[in-house]
Amino acid sequence: MDELFALAEEQDGLFTSKEARSLGIQDSVLVRLRQRGRLERMSRGVYRIAHYPTERLAQYREAILWAQASSGPELIALSHETALLLYGISDVNPSRVNLTVPVSARMRRVHPKWIAIHRANLAKEDIQLNEGMPVTTVERSILDVQAATRRTDFARQAIIDALRKGLLTPAQASSLRKRINPPSRSSSLSTNASKVEMNEPSTT
Protein backbone atom coordinates (compact mmCIF):
# COMPACT_ATOMS: atom_id res chain seq x y z
CA MET A 1 0.00 0.00 0.00
CA ASP A 2 2.87 2.38 0.66
CA GLU A 3 4.06 1.94 -2.92
CA LEU A 4 0.57 2.42 -4.32
CA PHE A 5 -0.05 5.47 -2.15
CA ALA A 6 3.18 7.08 -3.39
CA LEU A 7 2.13 6.28 -6.98
CA ALA A 8 -1.36 7.75 -6.55
CA GLU A 9 -0.41 10.78 -4.47
CA GLU A 10 0.18 13.04 -7.46
CA GLN A 11 -2.96 11.84 -9.28
CA ASP A 12 -5.65 12.61 -6.71
CA GLY A 13 -5.43 9.11 -5.28
CA LEU A 14 -5.76 7.41 -8.67
CA PHE A 15 -3.52 5.00 -10.56
CA THR A 16 -3.78 2.42 -13.34
CA SER A 17 -3.16 -1.29 -13.13
CA LYS A 18 -0.49 -0.74 -15.79
CA GLU A 19 1.33 1.69 -13.49
CA ALA A 20 1.05 -0.78 -10.62
CA ARG A 21 2.54 -3.56 -12.76
CA SER A 22 5.51 -1.31 -13.53
CA LEU A 23 6.22 -1.46 -9.77
CA GLY A 24 5.96 -5.24 -9.76
CA ILE A 25 2.44 -5.27 -8.27
CA GLN A 26 0.31 -7.79 -10.14
CA ASP A 27 -3.38 -7.47 -10.93
CA SER A 28 -4.23 -10.28 -8.51
CA VAL A 29 -2.83 -8.17 -5.67
CA LEU A 30 -5.03 -5.25 -6.69
CA VAL A 31 -8.07 -7.54 -6.71
CA ARG A 32 -7.32 -8.71 -3.16
CA LEU A 33 -6.78 -5.15 -1.94
CA ARG A 34 -10.09 -4.17 -3.49
CA GLN A 35 -11.85 -7.06 -1.78
CA ARG A 36 -10.40 -5.90 1.54
CA GLY A 37 -11.68 -2.38 0.99
CA ARG A 38 -8.24 -0.83 0.58
CA LEU A 39 -8.83 0.10 -3.08
CA GLU A 40 -11.80 1.18 -5.18
CA ARG A 41 -12.12 0.20 -8.85
CA MET A 42 -13.23 3.36 -10.63
CA SER A 43 -13.34 2.04 -14.19
CA ARG A 44 -11.60 -0.68 -16.14
CA GLY A 45 -7.89 -0.49 -15.40
CA VAL A 46 -8.22 2.50 -13.02
CA TYR A 47 -8.11 2.26 -9.22
CA ARG A 48 -8.38 4.72 -6.36
CA ILE A 49 -6.97 4.54 -2.86
CA ALA A 50 -10.02 4.03 -0.63
CA HIS A 51 -11.00 7.04 1.47
CA TYR A 52 -8.49 9.25 -0.34
CA PRO A 53 -9.72 12.89 -0.16
CA THR A 54 -11.63 13.72 -3.35
CA GLU A 55 -10.22 16.69 -5.25
CA ARG A 56 -12.07 18.86 -7.76
CA LEU A 57 -9.95 17.56 -10.65
CA ALA A 58 -10.24 13.87 -9.81
CA GLN A 59 -12.77 13.06 -12.54
CA TYR A 60 -10.61 14.70 -15.21
CA ARG A 61 -7.57 12.70 -14.09
CA GLU A 62 -9.67 9.55 -14.08
CA ALA A 63 -10.71 10.17 -17.71
CA ILE A 64 -7.08 10.51 -18.77
CA LEU A 65 -5.98 7.42 -16.86
CA TRP A 66 -8.90 5.43 -18.24
CA ALA A 67 -7.83 6.24 -21.81
CA GLN A 68 -4.19 5.41 -21.07
CA ALA A 69 -4.91 2.16 -19.22
CA SER A 70 -4.03 -1.14 -20.89
CA SER A 71 -1.60 0.37 -23.41
CA GLY A 72 -3.99 3.06 -24.57
CA PRO A 73 -2.98 6.01 -26.80
CA GLU A 74 -0.30 8.35 -25.50
CA LEU A 75 -1.16 11.59 -27.33
CA ILE A 76 -4.49 12.45 -25.72
CA ALA A 77 -5.83 15.58 -24.05
CA LEU A 78 -8.80 17.06 -22.26
CA SER A 79 -10.43 19.27 -24.85
CA HIS A 80 -13.42 21.25 -26.12
CA GLU A 81 -15.73 22.63 -23.39
CA THR A 82 -13.79 20.78 -20.69
CA ALA A 83 -10.61 22.61 -21.68
CA LEU A 84 -12.40 25.97 -21.63
CA LEU A 85 -13.70 25.17 -18.15
CA LEU A 86 -10.21 24.29 -16.90
CA TYR A 87 -8.82 27.53 -18.32
CA GLY A 88 -11.69 29.44 -16.73
CA ILE A 89 -12.82 31.05 -19.98
CA SER A 90 -16.43 31.34 -21.21
CA ASP A 91 -19.51 30.21 -19.30
CA VAL A 92 -19.62 26.64 -20.59
CA ASN A 93 -20.60 23.92 -18.12
CA PRO A 94 -20.18 20.56 -19.88
CA SER A 95 -22.15 17.60 -18.56
CA ARG A 96 -19.43 15.18 -19.69
CA VAL A 97 -15.64 15.20 -19.69
CA ASN A 98 -14.41 15.88 -23.23
CA LEU A 99 -11.34 13.89 -24.25
CA THR A 100 -9.58 13.92 -27.63
CA VAL A 101 -7.76 10.77 -28.78
CA PRO A 102 -6.03 9.91 -32.09
CA VAL A 103 -8.26 8.97 -35.02
CA SER A 104 -6.69 5.51 -35.22
CA ALA A 105 -6.74 4.83 -31.47
CA ARG A 106 -8.36 1.52 -30.54
CA MET A 107 -10.59 2.31 -27.60
CA ARG A 108 -12.86 -0.04 -25.70
CA ARG A 109 -16.32 -0.28 -27.24
CA VAL A 110 -18.01 0.37 -23.90
CA HIS A 111 -16.65 3.23 -21.86
CA PRO A 112 -17.84 5.43 -18.98
CA LYS A 113 -20.96 7.33 -20.01
CA TRP A 114 -19.60 10.55 -18.49
CA ILE A 115 -16.75 10.70 -21.03
CA ALA A 116 -17.25 12.17 -24.52
CA ILE A 117 -14.52 10.95 -26.87
CA HIS A 118 -13.49 13.15 -29.79
CA ARG A 119 -11.16 11.80 -32.46
CA ALA A 120 -8.45 13.99 -33.96
CA ASN A 121 -4.73 13.70 -34.60
CA LEU A 122 -3.33 16.23 -32.16
CA ALA A 123 0.18 17.54 -32.62
CA LYS A 124 2.42 18.02 -29.61
CA GLU A 125 2.09 21.78 -29.98
CA ASP A 126 -1.71 21.40 -29.61
CA ILE A 127 -1.27 20.19 -26.03
CA GLN A 128 0.00 21.80 -22.85
CA LEU A 129 -0.06 20.82 -19.20
CA ASN A 130 -2.69 22.37 -16.95
CA GLU A 131 -2.67 21.28 -13.31
CA GLY A 132 -0.38 18.45 -14.43
CA MET A 133 -2.91 17.19 -17.00
CA PRO A 134 -2.66 17.28 -20.82
CA VAL A 135 -5.12 19.86 -22.14
CA THR A 136 -5.51 21.26 -25.64
CA THR A 137 -4.16 24.79 -25.95
CA VAL A 138 -6.48 27.76 -25.56
CA GLU A 139 -6.46 28.43 -29.31
CA ARG A 140 -7.10 24.82 -30.23
CA SER A 141 -9.84 24.48 -27.60
CA ILE A 142 -11.72 27.54 -28.84
CA LEU A 143 -11.58 26.36 -32.45
CA ASP A 144 -12.67 22.85 -31.46
CA VAL A 145 -15.72 24.15 -29.58
CA GLN A 146 -16.62 26.44 -32.47
CA ALA A 147 -16.29 23.63 -35.01
CA ALA A 148 -18.30 21.18 -32.89
CA THR A 149 -21.11 23.48 -31.76
CA ARG A 150 -21.18 26.33 -34.32
CA ARG A 151 -21.75 28.58 -31.29
CA THR A 152 -19.84 31.70 -32.28
CA ASP A 153 -20.96 33.40 -29.07
CA PHE A 154 -19.09 30.78 -26.99
CA ALA A 155 -15.95 31.29 -29.05
CA ARG A 156 -16.13 35.08 -28.86
CA GLN A 157 -16.65 35.05 -25.08
CA ALA A 158 -13.77 32.60 -24.65
CA ILE A 159 -11.48 34.88 -26.65
CA ILE A 160 -12.46 37.89 -24.53
CA ASP A 161 -11.93 35.98 -21.28
CA ALA A 162 -8.62 34.47 -22.44
CA LEU A 163 -7.34 37.87 -23.52
CA ARG A 164 -8.34 39.37 -20.16
CA LYS A 165 -6.55 36.57 -18.27
CA GLY A 166 -3.42 36.86 -20.37
CA LEU A 167 -3.87 33.43 -21.95
CA LEU A 168 -3.88 34.94 -25.45
CA THR A 169 -1.89 37.78 -26.95
CA PRO A 170 -3.77 40.51 -28.87
CA ALA A 171 -2.35 39.06 -32.10
CA GLN A 172 -3.59 35.55 -31.25
CA ALA A 173 -7.01 36.90 -30.31
CA SER A 174 -7.24 38.83 -33.58
CA SER A 175 -6.27 35.74 -35.57
CA LEU A 176 -8.90 33.64 -33.80
CA ARG A 177 -11.63 36.19 -34.42
CA LYS A 178 -10.85 36.09 -38.13
CA ARG A 179 -11.05 32.29 -38.13
CA ILE A 180 -14.43 32.11 -36.44
CA ASN A 181 -16.06 34.84 -38.53
CA PRO A 182 -18.14 34.32 -40.47
CA PRO A 183 -19.23 30.95 -38.96
CA SER A 184 -20.38 29.65 -42.35
CA ARG A 185 -16.80 29.31 -43.50
CA SER A 186 -16.40 25.79 -42.14
CA SER A 187 -13.17 25.22 -44.02
CA SER A 188 -11.40 27.73 -41.79
CA LEU A 189 -12.53 25.88 -38.70
CA SER A 190 -11.22 22.44 -39.56
CA THR A 191 -9.37 20.85 -36.69
CA ASN A 192 -9.45 17.34 -38.22
CA ALA A 193 -11.90 16.07 -35.60
CA SER A 194 -14.27 13.81 -37.51
CA LYS A 195 -16.76 12.68 -34.92
CA VAL A 196 -17.68 12.36 -31.28
CA GLU A 197 -18.25 8.89 -29.94
CA MET A 198 -21.51 8.53 -28.07
CA ASN A 199 -20.96 6.80 -24.78
CA GLU A 200 -22.62 3.55 -23.95
CA PRO A 201 -23.55 2.88 -20.32
CA SER A 202 -20.75 1.09 -18.52
CA THR A 203 -20.80 -0.79 -15.29
CA THR A 204 -17.03 0.10 -15.00
C-alpha atoms as a PDB file:
ATOM      1  CA  MET A   1       0.000   0.000   0.000  1.00  0.00           C
ATOM      2  CA  ASP A   2       2.867   2.385   0.665  1.00  0.00           C
ATOM      3  CA  GLU A   3       4.061   1.944  -2.922  1.00  0.00           C
ATOM      4  CA  LEU A   4       0.570   2.421  -4.325  1.00  0.00           C
ATOM      5  CA  PHE A   5      -0.046   5.471  -2.148  1.00  0.00           C
ATOM      6  CA  ALA A   6       3.179   7.076  -3.391  1.00  0.00           C
ATOM      7  CA  LEU A   7       2.128   6.277  -6.979  1.00  0.00           C
ATOM      8  CA  ALA A   8      -1.361   7.752  -6.553  1.00  0.00           C
ATOM      9  CA  GLU A   9      -0.414  10.779  -4.470  1.00  0.00           C
ATOM     10  CA  GLU A  10       0.180  13.036  -7.465  1.00  0.00           C
ATOM     11  CA  GLN A  11      -2.956  11.843  -9.275  1.00  0.00           C
ATOM     12  CA  ASP A  12      -5.653  12.615  -6.709  1.00  0.00           C
ATOM     13  CA  GLY A  13      -5.428   9.107  -5.285  1.00  0.00           C
ATOM     14  CA  LEU A  14      -5.764   7.406  -8.671  1.00  0.00           C
ATOM     15  CA  PHE A  15      -3.518   5.004 -10.564  1.00  0.00           C
ATOM     16  CA  THR A  16      -3.782   2.425 -13.338  1.00  0.00           C
ATOM     17  CA  SER A  17      -3.156  -1.288 -13.126  1.00  0.00           C
ATOM     18  CA  LYS A  18      -0.491  -0.737 -15.792  1.00  0.00           C
ATOM     19  CA  GLU A  19       1.331   1.691 -13.487  1.00  0.00           C
ATOM     20  CA  ALA A  20       1.049  -0.782 -10.616  1.00  0.00           C
ATOM     21  CA  ARG A  21       2.538  -3.561 -12.762  1.00  0.00           C
ATOM     22  CA  SER A  22       5.506  -1.313 -13.525  1.00  0.00           C
ATOM     23  CA  LEU A  23       6.225  -1.464  -9.772  1.00  0.00           C
ATOM     24  CA  GLY A  24       5.958  -5.245  -9.759  1.00  0.00           C
ATOM     25  CA  ILE A  25       2.442  -5.266  -8.265  1.00  0.00           C
ATOM     26  CA  GLN A  26       0.307  -7.788 -10.141  1.00  0.00           C
ATOM     27  CA  ASP A  27      -3.385  -7.468 -10.934  1.00  0.00           C
ATOM     28  CA  SER A  28      -4.226 -10.277  -8.511  1.00  0.00           C
ATOM     29  CA  VAL A  29      -2.832  -8.171  -5.666  1.00  0.00           C
ATOM     30  CA  LEU A  30      -5.034  -5.248  -6.695  1.00  0.00           C
ATOM     31  CA  VAL A  31      -8.072  -7.543  -6.706  1.00  0.00           C
ATOM     32  CA  ARG A  32      -7.316  -8.711  -3.156  1.00  0.00           C
ATOM     33  CA  LEU A  33      -6.781  -5.146  -1.936  1.00  0.00           C
ATOM     34  CA  ARG A  34     -10.086  -4.166  -3.491  1.00  0.00           C
ATOM     35  CA  GLN A  35     -11.851  -7.059  -1.777  1.00  0.00           C
ATOM     36  CA  ARG A  36     -10.398  -5.900   1.540  1.00  0.00           C
ATOM     37  CA  GLY A  37     -11.681  -2.379   0.992  1.00  0.00           C
ATOM     38  CA  ARG A  38      -8.242  -0.831   0.575  1.00  0.00           C
ATOM     39  CA  LEU A  39      -8.829   0.096  -3.080  1.00  0.00           C
ATOM     40  CA  GLU A  40     -11.804   1.184  -5.183  1.00  0.00           C
ATOM     41  CA  ARG A  41     -12.116   0.199  -8.847  1.00  0.00           C
ATOM     42  CA  MET A  42     -13.226   3.357 -10.631  1.00  0.00           C
ATOM     43  CA  SER A  43     -13.341   2.039 -14.186  1.00  0.00           C
ATOM     44  CA  ARG A  44     -11.604  -0.677 -16.137  1.00  0.00           C
ATOM     45  CA  GLY A  45      -7.888  -0.487 -15.401  1.00  0.00           C
ATOM     46  CA  VAL A  46      -8.221   2.499 -13.024  1.00  0.00           C
ATOM     47  CA  TYR A  47      -8.112   2.255  -9.216  1.00  0.00           C
ATOM     48  CA  ARG A  48      -8.379   4.724  -6.365  1.00  0.00           C
ATOM     49  CA  ILE A  49      -6.974   4.535  -2.860  1.00  0.00           C
ATOM     50  CA  ALA A  50     -10.022   4.028  -0.634  1.00  0.00           C
ATOM     51  CA  HIS A  51     -11.002   7.039   1.467  1.00  0.00           C
ATOM     52  CA  TYR A  52      -8.488   9.254  -0.338  1.00  0.00           C
ATOM     53  CA  PRO A  53      -9.719  12.885  -0.165  1.00  0.00           C
ATOM     54  CA  THR A  54     -11.634  13.723  -3.346  1.00  0.00           C
ATOM     55  CA  GLU A  55     -10.220  16.687  -5.255  1.00  0.00           C
ATOM     56  CA  ARG A  56     -12.072  18.864  -7.762  1.00  0.00           C
ATOM     57  CA  LEU A  57      -9.946  17.562 -10.653  1.00  0.00           C
ATOM     58  CA  ALA A  58     -10.245  13.872  -9.808  1.00  0.00           C
ATOM     59  CA  GLN A  59     -12.770  13.055 -12.540  1.00  0.00           C
ATOM     60  CA  TYR A  60     -10.607  14.705 -15.206  1.00  0.00           C
ATOM     61  CA  ARG A  61      -7.575  12.700 -14.094  1.00  0.00           C
ATOM     62  CA  GLU A  62      -9.671   9.549 -14.083  1.00  0.00           C
ATOM     63  CA  ALA A  63     -10.709  10.167 -17.706  1.00  0.00           C
ATOM     64  CA  ILE A  64      -7.076  10.509 -18.771  1.00  0.00           C
ATOM     65  CA  LEU A  65      -5.981   7.420 -16.857  1.00  0.00           C
ATOM     66  CA  TRP A  66      -8.903   5.426 -18.241  1.00  0.00           C
ATOM     67  CA  ALA A  67      -7.826   6.242 -21.811  1.00  0.00           C
ATOM     68  CA  GLN A  68      -4.190   5.407 -21.073  1.00  0.00           C
ATOM     69  CA  ALA A  69      -4.912   2.156 -19.220  1.00  0.00           C
ATOM     70  CA  SER A  70      -4.029  -1.135 -20.894  1.00  0.00           C
ATOM     71  CA  SER A  71      -1.601   0.373 -23.406  1.00  0.00           C
ATOM     72  CA  GLY A  72      -3.985   3.061 -24.574  1.00  0.00           C
ATOM     73  CA  PRO A  73      -2.985   6.011 -26.800  1.00  0.00           C
ATOM     74  CA  GLU A  74      -0.304   8.354 -25.502  1.00  0.00           C
ATOM     75  CA  LEU A  75      -1.162  11.586 -27.332  1.00  0.00           C
ATOM     76  CA  ILE A  76      -4.487  12.453 -25.724  1.00  0.00           C
ATOM     77  CA  ALA A  77      -5.827  15.582 -24.050  1.00  0.00           C
ATOM     78  CA  LEU A  78      -8.802  17.059 -22.260  1.00  0.00           C
ATOM     79  CA  SER A  79     -10.431  19.267 -24.851  1.00  0.00           C
ATOM     80  CA  HIS A  80     -13.415  21.246 -26.116  1.00  0.00           C
ATOM     81  CA  GLU A  81     -15.731  22.630 -23.395  1.00  0.00           C
ATOM     82  CA  THR A  82     -13.791  20.777 -20.695  1.00  0.00           C
ATOM     83  CA  ALA A  83     -10.610  22.606 -21.685  1.00  0.00           C
ATOM     84  CA  LEU A  84     -12.400  25.975 -21.632  1.00  0.00           C
ATOM     85  CA  LEU A  85     -13.703  25.166 -18.151  1.00  0.00           C
ATOM     86  CA  LEU A  86     -10.212  24.291 -16.899  1.00  0.00           C
ATOM     87  CA  TYR A  87      -8.822  27.533 -18.324  1.00  0.00           C
ATOM     88  CA  GLY A  88     -11.691  29.442 -16.726  1.00  0.00           C
ATOM     89  CA  ILE A  89     -12.823  31.046 -19.980  1.00  0.00           C
ATOM     90  CA  SER A  90     -16.433  31.341 -21.215  1.00  0.00           C
ATOM     91  CA  ASP A  91     -19.507  30.212 -19.303  1.00  0.00           C
ATOM     92  CA  VAL A  92     -19.624  26.637 -20.594  1.00  0.00           C
ATOM     93  CA  ASN A  93     -20.600  23.925 -18.117  1.00  0.00           C
ATOM     94  CA  PRO A  94     -20.179  20.556 -19.879  1.00  0.00           C
ATOM     95  CA  SER A  95     -22.147  17.604 -18.561  1.00  0.00           C
ATOM     96  CA  ARG A  96     -19.433  15.181 -19.692  1.00  0.00           C
ATOM     97  CA  VAL A  97     -15.643  15.202 -19.694  1.00  0.00           C
ATOM     98  CA  ASN A  98     -14.411  15.882 -23.233  1.00  0.00           C
ATOM     99  CA  LEU A  99     -11.342  13.892 -24.253  1.00  0.00           C
ATOM    100  CA  THR A 100      -9.582  13.920 -27.633  1.00  0.00           C
ATOM    101  CA  VAL A 101      -7.759  10.775 -28.782  1.00  0.00           C
ATOM    102  CA  PRO A 102      -6.029   9.913 -32.086  1.00  0.00           C
ATOM    103  CA  VAL A 103      -8.262   8.975 -35.020  1.00  0.00           C
ATOM    104  CA  SER A 104      -6.692   5.513 -35.223  1.00  0.00           C
ATOM    105  CA  ALA A 105      -6.742   4.830 -31.468  1.00  0.00           C
ATOM    106  CA  ARG A 106      -8.356   1.519 -30.542  1.00  0.00           C
ATOM    107  CA  MET A 107     -10.586   2.308 -27.604  1.00  0.00           C
ATOM    108  CA  ARG A 108     -12.864  -0.038 -25.700  1.00  0.00           C
ATOM    109  CA  ARG A 109     -16.318  -0.279 -27.238  1.00  0.00           C
ATOM    110  CA  VAL A 110     -18.006   0.366 -23.904  1.00  0.00           C
ATOM    111  CA  HIS A 111     -16.650   3.235 -21.864  1.00  0.00           C
ATOM    112  CA  PRO A 112     -17.841   5.432 -18.980  1.00  0.00           C
ATOM    113  CA  LYS A 113     -20.958   7.328 -20.009  1.00  0.00           C
ATOM    114  CA  TRP A 114     -19.603  10.547 -18.491  1.00  0.00           C
ATOM    115  CA  ILE A 115     -16.748  10.704 -21.034  1.00  0.00           C
ATOM    116  CA  ALA A 116     -17.251  12.170 -24.523  1.00  0.00           C
ATOM    117  CA  ILE A 117     -14.522  10.946 -26.871  1.00  0.00           C
ATOM    118  CA  HIS A 118     -13.491  13.147 -29.791  1.00  0.00           C
ATOM    119  CA  ARG A 119     -11.164  11.795 -32.464  1.00  0.00           C
ATOM    120  CA  ALA A 120      -8.451  13.995 -33.962  1.00  0.00           C
ATOM    121  CA  ASN A 121      -4.734  13.704 -34.596  1.00  0.00           C
ATOM    122  CA  LEU A 122      -3.334  16.232 -32.165  1.00  0.00           C
ATOM    123  CA  ALA A 123       0.183  17.537 -32.624  1.00  0.00           C
ATOM    124  CA  LYS A 124       2.424  18.021 -29.607  1.00  0.00           C
ATOM    125  CA  GLU A 125       2.087  21.776 -29.981  1.00  0.00           C
ATOM    126  CA  ASP A 126      -1.714  21.399 -29.607  1.00  0.00           C
ATOM    127  CA  ILE A 127      -1.273  20.187 -26.026  1.00  0.00           C
ATOM    128  CA  GLN A 128      -0.005  21.795 -22.852  1.00  0.00           C
ATOM    129  CA  LEU A 129      -0.064  20.822 -19.199  1.00  0.00           C
ATOM    130  CA  ASN A 130      -2.689  22.367 -16.952  1.00  0.00           C
ATOM    131  CA  GLU A 131      -2.671  21.283 -13.310  1.00  0.00           C
ATOM    132  CA  GLY A 132      -0.384  18.450 -14.433  1.00  0.00           C
ATOM    133  CA  MET A 133      -2.910  17.188 -16.997  1.00  0.00           C
ATOM    134  CA  PRO A 134      -2.662  17.278 -20.817  1.00  0.00           C
ATOM    135  CA  VAL A 135      -5.117  19.862 -22.138  1.00  0.00           C
ATOM    136  CA  THR A 136      -5.511  21.262 -25.642  1.00  0.00           C
ATOM    137  CA  THR A 137      -4.164  24.792 -25.949  1.00  0.00           C
ATOM    138  CA  VAL A 138      -6.483  27.763 -25.565  1.00  0.00           C
ATOM    139  CA  GLU A 139      -6.463  28.434 -29.312  1.00  0.00           C
ATOM    140  CA  ARG A 140      -7.103  24.815 -30.234  1.00  0.00           C
ATOM    141  CA  SER A 141      -9.841  24.476 -27.598  1.00  0.00           C
ATOM    142  CA  ILE A 142     -11.722  27.540 -28.836  1.00  0.00           C
ATOM    143  CA  LEU A 143     -11.581  26.356 -32.448  1.00  0.00           C
ATOM    144  CA  ASP A 144     -12.670  22.847 -31.460  1.00  0.00           C
ATOM    145  CA  VAL A 145     -15.717  24.148 -29.581  1.00  0.00           C
ATOM    146  CA  GLN A 146     -16.620  26.440 -32.466  1.00  0.00           C
ATOM    147  CA  ALA A 147     -16.288  23.630 -35.012  1.00  0.00           C
ATOM    148  CA  ALA A 148     -18.303  21.177 -32.895  1.00  0.00           C
ATOM    149  CA  THR A 149     -21.114  23.483 -31.756  1.00  0.00           C
ATOM    150  CA  ARG A 150     -21.181  26.326 -34.319  1.00  0.00           C
ATOM    151  CA  ARG A 151     -21.746  28.579 -31.295  1.00  0.00           C
ATOM    152  CA  THR A 152     -19.839  31.700 -32.283  1.00  0.00           C
ATOM    153  CA  ASP A 153     -20.964  33.396 -29.068  1.00  0.00           C
ATOM    154  CA  PHE A 154     -19.093  30.783 -26.988  1.00  0.00           C
ATOM    155  CA  ALA A 155     -15.953  31.295 -29.055  1.00  0.00           C
ATOM    156  CA  ARG A 156     -16.129  35.081 -28.856  1.00  0.00           C
ATOM    157  CA  GLN A 157     -16.649  35.052 -25.084  1.00  0.00           C
ATOM    158  CA  ALA A 158     -13.773  32.599 -24.646  1.00  0.00           C
ATOM    159  CA  ILE A 159     -11.483  34.879 -26.646  1.00  0.00           C
ATOM    160  CA  ILE A 160     -12.456  37.892 -24.528  1.00  0.00           C
ATOM    161  CA  ASP A 161     -11.925  35.978 -21.282  1.00  0.00           C
ATOM    162  CA  ALA A 162      -8.623  34.467 -22.444  1.00  0.00           C
ATOM    163  CA  LEU A 163      -7.342  37.875 -23.522  1.00  0.00           C
ATOM    164  CA  ARG A 164      -8.335  39.369 -20.156  1.00  0.00           C
ATOM    165  CA  LYS A 165      -6.549  36.575 -18.268  1.00  0.00           C
ATOM    166  CA  GLY A 166      -3.417  36.862 -20.373  1.00  0.00           C
ATOM    167  CA  LEU A 167      -3.868  33.435 -21.949  1.00  0.00           C
ATOM    168  CA  LEU A 168      -3.880  34.936 -25.446  1.00  0.00           C
ATOM    169  CA  THR A 169      -1.895  37.777 -26.950  1.00  0.00           C
ATOM    170  CA  PRO A 170      -3.773  40.511 -28.868  1.00  0.00           C
ATOM    171  CA  ALA A 171      -2.349  39.060 -32.100  1.00  0.00           C
ATOM    172  CA  GLN A 172      -3.587  35.555 -31.252  1.00  0.00           C
ATOM    173  CA  ALA A 173      -7.008  36.899 -30.313  1.00  0.00           C
ATOM    174  CA  SER A 174      -7.245  38.827 -33.583  1.00  0.00           C
ATOM    175  CA  SER A 175      -6.274  35.741 -35.574  1.00  0.00           C
ATOM    176  CA  LEU A 176      -8.895  33.641 -33.795  1.00  0.00           C
ATOM    177  CA  ARG A 177     -11.634  36.195 -34.420  1.00  0.00           C
ATOM    178  CA  LYS A 178     -10.853  36.088 -38.131  1.00  0.00           C
ATOM    179  CA  ARG A 179     -11.047  32.287 -38.131  1.00  0.00           C
ATOM    180  CA  ILE A 180     -14.434  32.106 -36.437  1.00  0.00           C
ATOM    181  CA  ASN A 181     -16.057  34.841 -38.530  1.00  0.00           C
ATOM    182  CA  PRO A 182     -18.145  34.318 -40.468  1.00  0.00           C
ATOM    183  CA  PRO A 183     -19.233  30.951 -38.959  1.00  0.00           C
ATOM    184  CA  SER A 184     -20.385  29.648 -42.346  1.00  0.00           C
ATOM    185  CA  ARG A 185     -16.797  29.306 -43.504  1.00  0.00           C
ATOM    186  CA  SER A 186     -16.396  25.786 -42.137  1.00  0.00           C
ATOM    187  CA  SER A 187     -13.166  25.218 -44.016  1.00  0.00           C
ATOM    188  CA  SER A 188     -11.402  27.734 -41.786  1.00  0.00           C
ATOM    189  CA  LEU A 189     -12.526  25.875 -38.698  1.00  0.00           C
ATOM    190  CA  SER A 190     -11.221  22.443 -39.563  1.00  0.00           C
ATOM    191  CA  THR A 191      -9.366  20.848 -36.685  1.00  0.00           C
ATOM    192  CA  ASN A 192      -9.451  17.336 -38.220  1.00  0.00           C
ATOM    193  CA  ALA A 193     -11.905  16.072 -35.602  1.00  0.00           C
ATOM    194  CA  SER A 194     -14.266  13.814 -37.515  1.00  0.00           C
ATOM    195  CA  LYS A 195     -16.764  12.682 -34.918  1.00  0.00           C
ATOM    196  CA  VAL A 196     -17.679  12.357 -31.282  1.00  0.00           C
ATOM    197  CA  GLU A 197     -18.254   8.888 -29.938  1.00  0.00           C
ATOM    198  CA  MET A 198     -21.514   8.533 -28.070  1.00  0.00           C
ATOM    199  CA  ASN A 199     -20.959   6.801 -24.781  1.00  0.00           C
ATOM    200  CA  GLU A 200     -22.625   3.554 -23.945  1.00  0.00           C
ATOM    201  CA  PRO A 201     -23.547   2.876 -20.319  1.00  0.00           C
ATOM    202  CA  SER A 202     -20.755   1.094 -18.524  1.00  0.00           C
ATOM    203  CA  THR A 203     -20.804  -0.795 -15.289  1.00  0.00           C
ATOM    204  CA  THR A 204     -17.031   0.098 -15.005  1.00  0.00           C
END
